[in-house]
PDB file of N, CA and C in Angstrom:
ATOM      1  N   MET A   1     116.548  64.995  49.008  1.00  0.00           N
ATOM      2  CA  MET A   1     117.055  65.151  50.610  1.00  0.00           C
ATOM      3  C   MET A   1     117.333  66.619  50.776  1.00  0.00           C
ATOM      4  N   ARG A   2     116.872  67.049  51.930  1.00  0.00           N
ATOM      5  CA  ARG A   2     117.040  68.496  52.311  1.00  0.00           C
ATOM      6  C   ARG A   2     118.322  68.555  53.050  1.00  0.00           C
ATOM      7  N   ALA A   3     118.853  69.988  52.913  1.00  0.00           N
ATOM      8  CA  ALA A   3     120.071  70.313  53.690  1.00  0.00           C
ATOM      9  C   ALA A   3     119.644  70.652  55.160  1.00  0.00           C
ATOM     10  N   ILE A   4     120.708  70.402  56.313  1.00  0.00           N
ATOM     11  CA  ILE A   4     120.261  70.608  57.527  1.00  0.00           C
ATOM     12  C   ILE A   4     120.117  72.333  57.491  1.00  0.00           C
ATOM     13  N   GLY A   5     118.984  72.530  58.327  1.00  0.00           N
ATOM     14  CA  GLY A   5     118.925  73.991  58.643  1.00  0.00           C
ATOM     15  C   GLY A   5     118.068  74.738  57.334  1.00  0.00           C
ATOM     16  N   TYR A   6     117.560  73.790  56.376  1.00  0.00           N
ATOM     17  CA  TYR A   6     116.747  74.291  55.357  1.00  0.00           C
ATOM     18  C   TYR A   6     115.177  74.318  55.866  1.00  0.00           C
ATOM     19  N   ARG A   7     114.563  75.597  55.577  1.00  0.00           N
ATOM     20  CA  ARG A   7     113.283  75.677  56.091  1.00  0.00           C
ATOM     21  C   ARG A   7     112.267  75.837  54.950  1.00  0.00           C
ATOM     22  N   THR A   8     111.328  75.524  55.172  1.00  0.00           N
ATOM     23  CA  THR A   8     110.017  75.772  54.061  1.00  0.00           C
ATOM     24  C   THR A   8     108.879  76.398  54.620  1.00  0.00           C
ATOM     25  N   GLY A   9     108.339  77.260  53.790  1.00  0.00           N
ATOM     26  CA  GLY A   9     106.899  77.877  54.205  1.00  0.00           C
ATOM     27  C   GLY A   9     107.530  79.095  54.667  1.00  0.00           C
ATOM     28  N   ALA A  10     106.371  79.879  55.236  1.00  0.00           N
ATOM     29  CA  ALA A  10     106.153  81.340  55.970  1.00  0.00           C
ATOM     30  C   ALA A  10     107.049  81.443  57.023  1.00  0.00           C
ATOM     31  N   PRO A  11     107.596  82.387  57.174  1.00  0.00           N
ATOM     32  CA  PRO A  11     108.018  82.476  58.702  1.00  0.00           C
ATOM     33  C   PRO A  11     107.070  82.658  59.848  1.00  0.00           C
ATOM     34  N   THR A  12     107.595  82.442  60.959  1.00  0.00           N
ATOM     35  CA  THR A  12     106.569  82.124  62.046  1.00  0.00           C
ATOM     36  C   THR A  12     107.124  83.191  63.250  1.00  0.00           C
ATOM     37  N   ILE A  13     106.147  83.819  63.804  1.00  0.00           N
ATOM     38  CA  ILE A  13     106.234  84.861  64.985  1.00  0.00           C
ATOM     39  C   ILE A  13     106.115  84.204  66.173  1.00  0.00           C
ATOM     40  N   SER A  14     107.081  84.058  67.220  1.00  0.00           N
ATOM     41  CA  SER A  14     107.135  83.423  68.493  1.00  0.00           C
ATOM     42  C   SER A  14     106.143  83.991  69.390  1.00  0.00           C
ATOM     43  N   GLY A  15     105.477  83.142  70.199  1.00  0.00           N
ATOM     44  CA  GLY A  15     104.498  83.614  71.272  1.00  0.00           C
ATOM     45  C   GLY A  15     104.633  84.708  72.060  1.00  0.00           C
ATOM     46  N   PRO A  16     106.123  84.590  72.665  1.00  0.00           N
ATOM     47  CA  PRO A  16     106.489  85.719  73.612  1.00  0.00           C
ATOM     48  C   PRO A  16     106.604  87.089  72.815  1.00  0.00           C
ATOM     49  N   LEU A  17     106.963  87.003  71.623  1.00  0.00           N
ATOM     50  CA  LEU A  17     107.350  88.223  70.698  1.00  0.00           C
ATOM     51  C   LEU A  17     105.888  88.938  70.378  1.00  0.00           C
ATOM     52  N   LEU A  18     104.923  88.212  70.278  1.00  0.00           N
ATOM     53  CA  LEU A  18     103.576  88.605  69.892  1.00  0.00           C
ATOM     54  C   LEU A  18     102.841  89.090  71.071  1.00  0.00           C
ATOM     55  N   MET A  19     103.215  88.749  72.235  1.00  0.00           N
ATOM     56  CA  MET A  19     102.549  89.154  73.466  1.00  0.00           C
ATOM     57  C   MET A  19     103.230  90.527  73.789  1.00  0.00           C
ATOM     58  N   ALA A  20     104.630  90.548  73.663  1.00  0.00           N
ATOM     59  CA  ALA A  20     105.285  91.672  74.059  1.00  0.00           C
ATOM     60  C   ALA A  20     104.698  92.920  72.943  1.00  0.00           C
ATOM     61  N   THR A  21     104.625  92.578  71.645  1.00  0.00           N
ATOM     62  CA  THR A  21     104.069  93.406  71.025  1.00  0.00           C
ATOM     63  C   THR A  21     102.738  93.924  71.130  1.00  0.00           C
ATOM     64  N   TYR A  22     101.824  92.984  71.479  1.00  0.00           N
ATOM     65  CA  TYR A  22     100.402  93.400  72.124  1.00  0.00           C
ATOM     66  C   TYR A  22     100.363  94.321  73.153  1.00  0.00           C
ATOM     67  N   LEU A  23     101.126  94.040  74.118  1.00  0.00           N
ATOM     68  CA  LEU A  23     101.399  94.756  75.044  1.00  0.00           C
ATOM     69  C   LEU A  23     102.052  96.283  75.055  1.00  0.00           C
ATOM     70  N   VAL A  24     102.837  96.429  74.129  1.00  0.00           N
ATOM     71  CA  VAL A  24     103.438  97.838  73.791  1.00  0.00           C
ATOM     72  C   VAL A  24     102.427  98.399  73.125  1.00  0.00           C
ATOM     73  N   ILE A  25     101.880  97.961  72.075  1.00  0.00           N
ATOM     74  CA  ILE A  25     100.708  98.636  71.452  1.00  0.00           C
ATOM     75  C   ILE A  25      99.733  98.992  72.422  1.00  0.00           C
ATOM     76  N   GLY A  26      99.394  98.325  73.375  1.00  0.00           N
ATOM     77  CA  GLY A  26      98.167  98.405  74.428  1.00  0.00           C
ATOM     78  C   GLY A  26      98.797  99.723  75.273  1.00  0.00           C
ATOM     79  N   ALA A  27     100.082  99.578  75.710  1.00  0.00           N
ATOM     80  CA  ALA A  27     100.620 100.772  76.575  1.00  0.00           C
ATOM     81  C   ALA A  27     100.431 101.962  75.566  1.00  0.00           C
ATOM     82  N   PHE A  28     100.705 102.029  74.569  1.00  0.00           N
ATOM     83  CA  PHE A  28     100.892 103.243  73.585  1.00  0.00           C
ATOM     84  C   PHE A  28      99.373 103.884  73.549  1.00  0.00           C
ATOM     85  N   VAL A  29      98.377 102.944  73.157  1.00  0.00           N
ATOM     86  CA  VAL A  29      96.961 103.340  73.060  1.00  0.00           C
ATOM     87  C   VAL A  29      96.277 103.705  74.477  1.00  0.00           C
ATOM     88  N   ALA A  30      96.748 103.097  75.600  1.00  0.00           N
ATOM     89  CA  ALA A  30      96.028 103.662  76.892  1.00  0.00           C
ATOM     90  C   ALA A  30      96.796 104.849  77.156  1.00  0.00           C
ATOM     91  N   ALA A  31      98.177 105.038  76.518  1.00  0.00           N
ATOM     92  CA  ALA A  31      98.766 106.377  77.111  1.00  0.00           C
ATOM     93  C   ALA A  31      98.046 107.585  76.133  1.00  0.00           C
ATOM     94  N   THR A  32      97.588 107.330  75.006  1.00  0.00           N
ATOM     95  CA  THR A  32      97.070 108.256  74.189  1.00  0.00           C
ATOM     96  C   THR A  32      95.864 108.672  74.640  1.00  0.00           C
ATOM     97  N   HIS A  33      95.028 107.723  75.205  1.00  0.00           N
ATOM     98  CA  HIS A  33      93.568 107.742  75.945  1.00  0.00           C
ATOM     99  C   HIS A  33      93.617 108.243  77.350  1.00  0.00           C
ATOM    100  N   HIS A  34      94.752 108.543  77.810  1.00  0.00           N
ATOM    101  CA  HIS A  34      95.044 109.300  79.048  1.00  0.00           C
ATOM    102  C   HIS A  34      94.768 108.196  80.260  1.00  0.00           C
ATOM    103  N   TYR A  35      95.225 107.140  80.062  1.00  0.00           N
ATOM    104  CA  TYR A  35      94.976 106.324  81.134  1.00  0.00           C
ATOM    105  C   TYR A  35      96.210 106.010  82.296  1.00  0.00           C
ATOM    106  N   PHE A  36      97.443 106.811  81.811  1.00  0.00           N
ATOM    107  CA  PHE A  36      98.374 106.852  82.811  1.00  0.00           C
ATOM    108  C   PHE A  36      98.631 108.165  83.468  1.00  0.00           C
ATOM    109  N   GLY A  37      97.488 109.453  83.363  1.00  0.00           N
ATOM    110  CA  GLY A  37      97.564 110.305  83.722  1.00  0.00           C
ATOM    111  C   GLY A  37      97.220 110.371  85.340  1.00  0.00           C
ATOM    112  N   HIS A  38      98.037 110.666  86.232  1.00  0.00           N
ATOM    113  CA  HIS A  38      97.210 110.938  87.962  1.00  0.00           C
ATOM    114  C   HIS A  38      97.032 109.645  88.141  1.00  0.00           C
ATOM    115  N   LEU A  39      98.150 108.633  88.232  1.00  0.00           N
ATOM    116  CA  LEU A  39      97.979 107.282  88.947  1.00  0.00           C
ATOM    117  C   LEU A  39      98.308 107.455  90.531  1.00  0.00           C
ATOM    118  N   HIS A  40      97.375 107.669  91.374  1.00  0.00           N
ATOM    119  CA  HIS A  40      97.507 107.801  92.648  1.00  0.00           C
ATOM    120  C   HIS A  40      96.784 106.740  93.479  1.00  0.00           C
ATOM    121  N   VAL A  41      95.661 106.259  92.957  1.00  0.00           N
ATOM    122  CA  VAL A  41      95.074 105.172  93.752  1.00  0.00           C
ATOM    123  C   VAL A  41      94.722 103.987  92.996  1.00  0.00           C
ATOM    124  N   ALA A  42      94.393 102.819  93.796  1.00  0.00           N
ATOM    125  CA  ALA A  42      94.472 101.502  93.181  1.00  0.00           C
ATOM    126  C   ALA A  42      93.426 101.296  91.883  1.00  0.00           C
ATOM    127  N   LYS A  43      92.326 102.294  91.745  1.00  0.00           N
ATOM    128  CA  LYS A  43      91.288 102.247  90.728  1.00  0.00           C
ATOM    129  C   LYS A  43      91.705 102.869  89.648  1.00  0.00           C
ATOM    130  N   GLN A  44      92.774 103.871  89.763  1.00  0.00           N
ATOM    131  CA  GLN A  44      93.229 104.137  88.706  1.00  0.00           C
ATOM    132  C   GLN A  44      94.447 103.080  87.816  1.00  0.00           C
ATOM    133  N   TYR A  45      95.083 102.618  88.831  1.00  0.00           N
ATOM    134  CA  TYR A  45      96.049 101.699  88.204  1.00  0.00           C
ATOM    135  C   TYR A  45      95.316 100.381  87.775  1.00  0.00           C
ATOM    136  N   GLY A  46      94.042 100.062  88.270  1.00  0.00           N
ATOM    137  CA  GLY A  46      93.377  99.045  87.647  1.00  0.00           C
ATOM    138  C   GLY A  46      92.809  99.580  86.505  1.00  0.00           C
ATOM    139  N   SER A  47      92.393 100.842  86.292  1.00  0.00           N
ATOM    140  CA  SER A  47      91.864 101.245  84.938  1.00  0.00           C
ATOM    141  C   SER A  47      93.130 100.915  83.826  1.00  0.00           C
ATOM    142  N   ALA A  48      94.155 101.690  84.255  1.00  0.00           N
ATOM    143  CA  ALA A  48      95.260 101.682  83.359  1.00  0.00           C
ATOM    144  C   ALA A  48      95.769 100.161  83.089  1.00  0.00           C
ATOM    145  N   VAL A  49      95.811  99.136  83.744  1.00  0.00           N
ATOM    146  CA  VAL A  49      96.025  97.787  83.376  1.00  0.00           C
ATOM    147  C   VAL A  49      94.905  97.357  82.633  1.00  0.00           C
ATOM    148  N   LEU A  50      93.468  97.517  82.698  1.00  0.00           N
ATOM    149  CA  LEU A  50      92.422  97.221  82.023  1.00  0.00           C
ATOM    150  C   LEU A  50      92.594  97.740  80.404  1.00  0.00           C
ATOM    151  N   ALA A  51      92.995  98.964  80.403  1.00  0.00           N
ATOM    152  CA  ALA A  51      93.201  99.517  79.066  1.00  0.00           C
ATOM    153  C   ALA A  51      94.256  99.121  78.354  1.00  0.00           C
ATOM    154  N   VAL A  52      95.572  98.623  78.993  1.00  0.00           N
ATOM    155  CA  VAL A  52      96.571  97.992  78.303  1.00  0.00           C
ATOM    156  C   VAL A  52      96.179  96.512  77.821  1.00  0.00           C
ATOM    157  N   LEU A  53      95.558  95.685  78.654  1.00  0.00           N
ATOM    158  CA  LEU A  53      95.112  94.522  78.207  1.00  0.00           C
ATOM    159  C   LEU A  53      93.859  94.465  77.226  1.00  0.00           C
ATOM    160  N   LEU A  54      92.988  95.384  77.327  1.00  0.00           N
ATOM    161  CA  LEU A  54      91.904  95.288  76.436  1.00  0.00           C
ATOM    162  C   LEU A  54      91.734  96.663  75.432  1.00  0.00           C
ATOM    163  N   TRP A  55      93.106  96.854  74.961  1.00  0.00           N
ATOM    164  CA  TRP A  55      93.067  98.296  74.300  1.00  0.00           C
ATOM    165  C   TRP A  55      91.985  98.182  72.920  1.00  0.00           C
ATOM    166  N   PRO A  56      91.939  96.983  72.254  1.00  0.00           N
ATOM    167  CA  PRO A  56      91.102  97.100  70.979  1.00  0.00           C
ATOM    168  C   PRO A  56      89.722  97.736  71.378  1.00  0.00           C
ATOM    169  N   LEU A  57      89.261  97.623  72.809  1.00  0.00           N
ATOM    170  CA  LEU A  57      87.768  98.164  73.118  1.00  0.00           C
ATOM    171  C   LEU A  57      87.685  99.606  73.162  1.00  0.00           C
ATOM    172  N   LEU A  58      89.192 100.275  73.239  1.00  0.00           N
ATOM    173  CA  LEU A  58      89.152 101.595  73.430  1.00  0.00           C
ATOM    174  C   LEU A  58      88.699 102.117  71.931  1.00  0.00           C
ATOM    175  N   PHE A  59      89.007 101.602  70.912  1.00  0.00           N
ATOM    176  CA  PHE A  59      88.770 102.089  69.631  1.00  0.00           C
ATOM    177  C   PHE A  59      87.280 101.984  69.319  1.00  0.00           C
ATOM    178  N   LEU A  60      86.744 101.223  70.115  1.00  0.00           N
ATOM    179  CA  LEU A  60      85.275 101.023  70.019  1.00  0.00           C
ATOM    180  C   LEU A  60      84.331 102.231  70.818  1.00  0.00           C
ATOM    181  N   GLY A  61      85.251 102.869  71.511  1.00  0.00           N
ATOM    182  CA  GLY A  61      84.478 103.899  72.443  1.00  0.00           C
ATOM    183  C   GLY A  61      84.306 103.312  73.598  1.00  0.00           C
ATOM    184  N   ILE A  62      84.658 102.202  74.120  1.00  0.00           N
ATOM    185  CA  ILE A  62      84.450 101.734  75.502  1.00  0.00           C
ATOM    186  C   ILE A  62      85.085 102.240  76.743  1.00  0.00           C
ATOM    187  N   ASN A  63      84.484 102.926  77.580  1.00  0.00           N
ATOM    188  CA  ASN A  63      85.318 103.451  78.645  1.00  0.00           C
ATOM    189  C   ASN A  63      85.889 102.569  79.746  1.00  0.00           C
ATOM    190  N   LEU A  64      86.984 102.208  79.968  1.00  0.00           N
ATOM    191  CA  LEU A  64      87.690 101.290  80.921  1.00  0.00           C
ATOM    192  C   LEU A  64      88.019 101.980  82.378  1.00  0.00           C
ATOM    193  N   HIS A  65      87.334 103.059  82.338  1.00  0.00           N
ATOM    194  CA  HIS A  65      87.753 103.833  83.498  1.00  0.00           C
ATOM    195  C   HIS A  65      86.960 103.260  84.867  1.00  0.00           C
ATOM    196  N   ILE A  66      87.384 102.714  85.850  1.00  0.00           N
ATOM    197  CA  ILE A  66      86.816 102.006  86.930  1.00  0.00           C
ATOM    198  C   ILE A  66      86.570 103.306  87.844  1.00  0.00           C
ATOM    199  N   HIS A  67      85.086 103.571  88.161  1.00  0.00           N
ATOM    200  CA  HIS A  67      84.538 104.700  89.053  1.00  0.00           C
ATOM    201  C   HIS A  67      84.171 103.983  90.506  1.00  0.00           C
TER     202      HIS A  67
END
């Protein structure tokens, strides 16, 4: 019989924590690729949002700037 509160197996990471970590890394990567510089028009904001959400593509050399 197990004691109350006893857990077995590997620790788990909650969904919101994983999503927040993904977005923080995305913001950092987008900033290092200059997606936050000179945000004046909607296209530039759209490019920044895409860069944060799709940051792994930046490492493949894909340009996410909206022209």
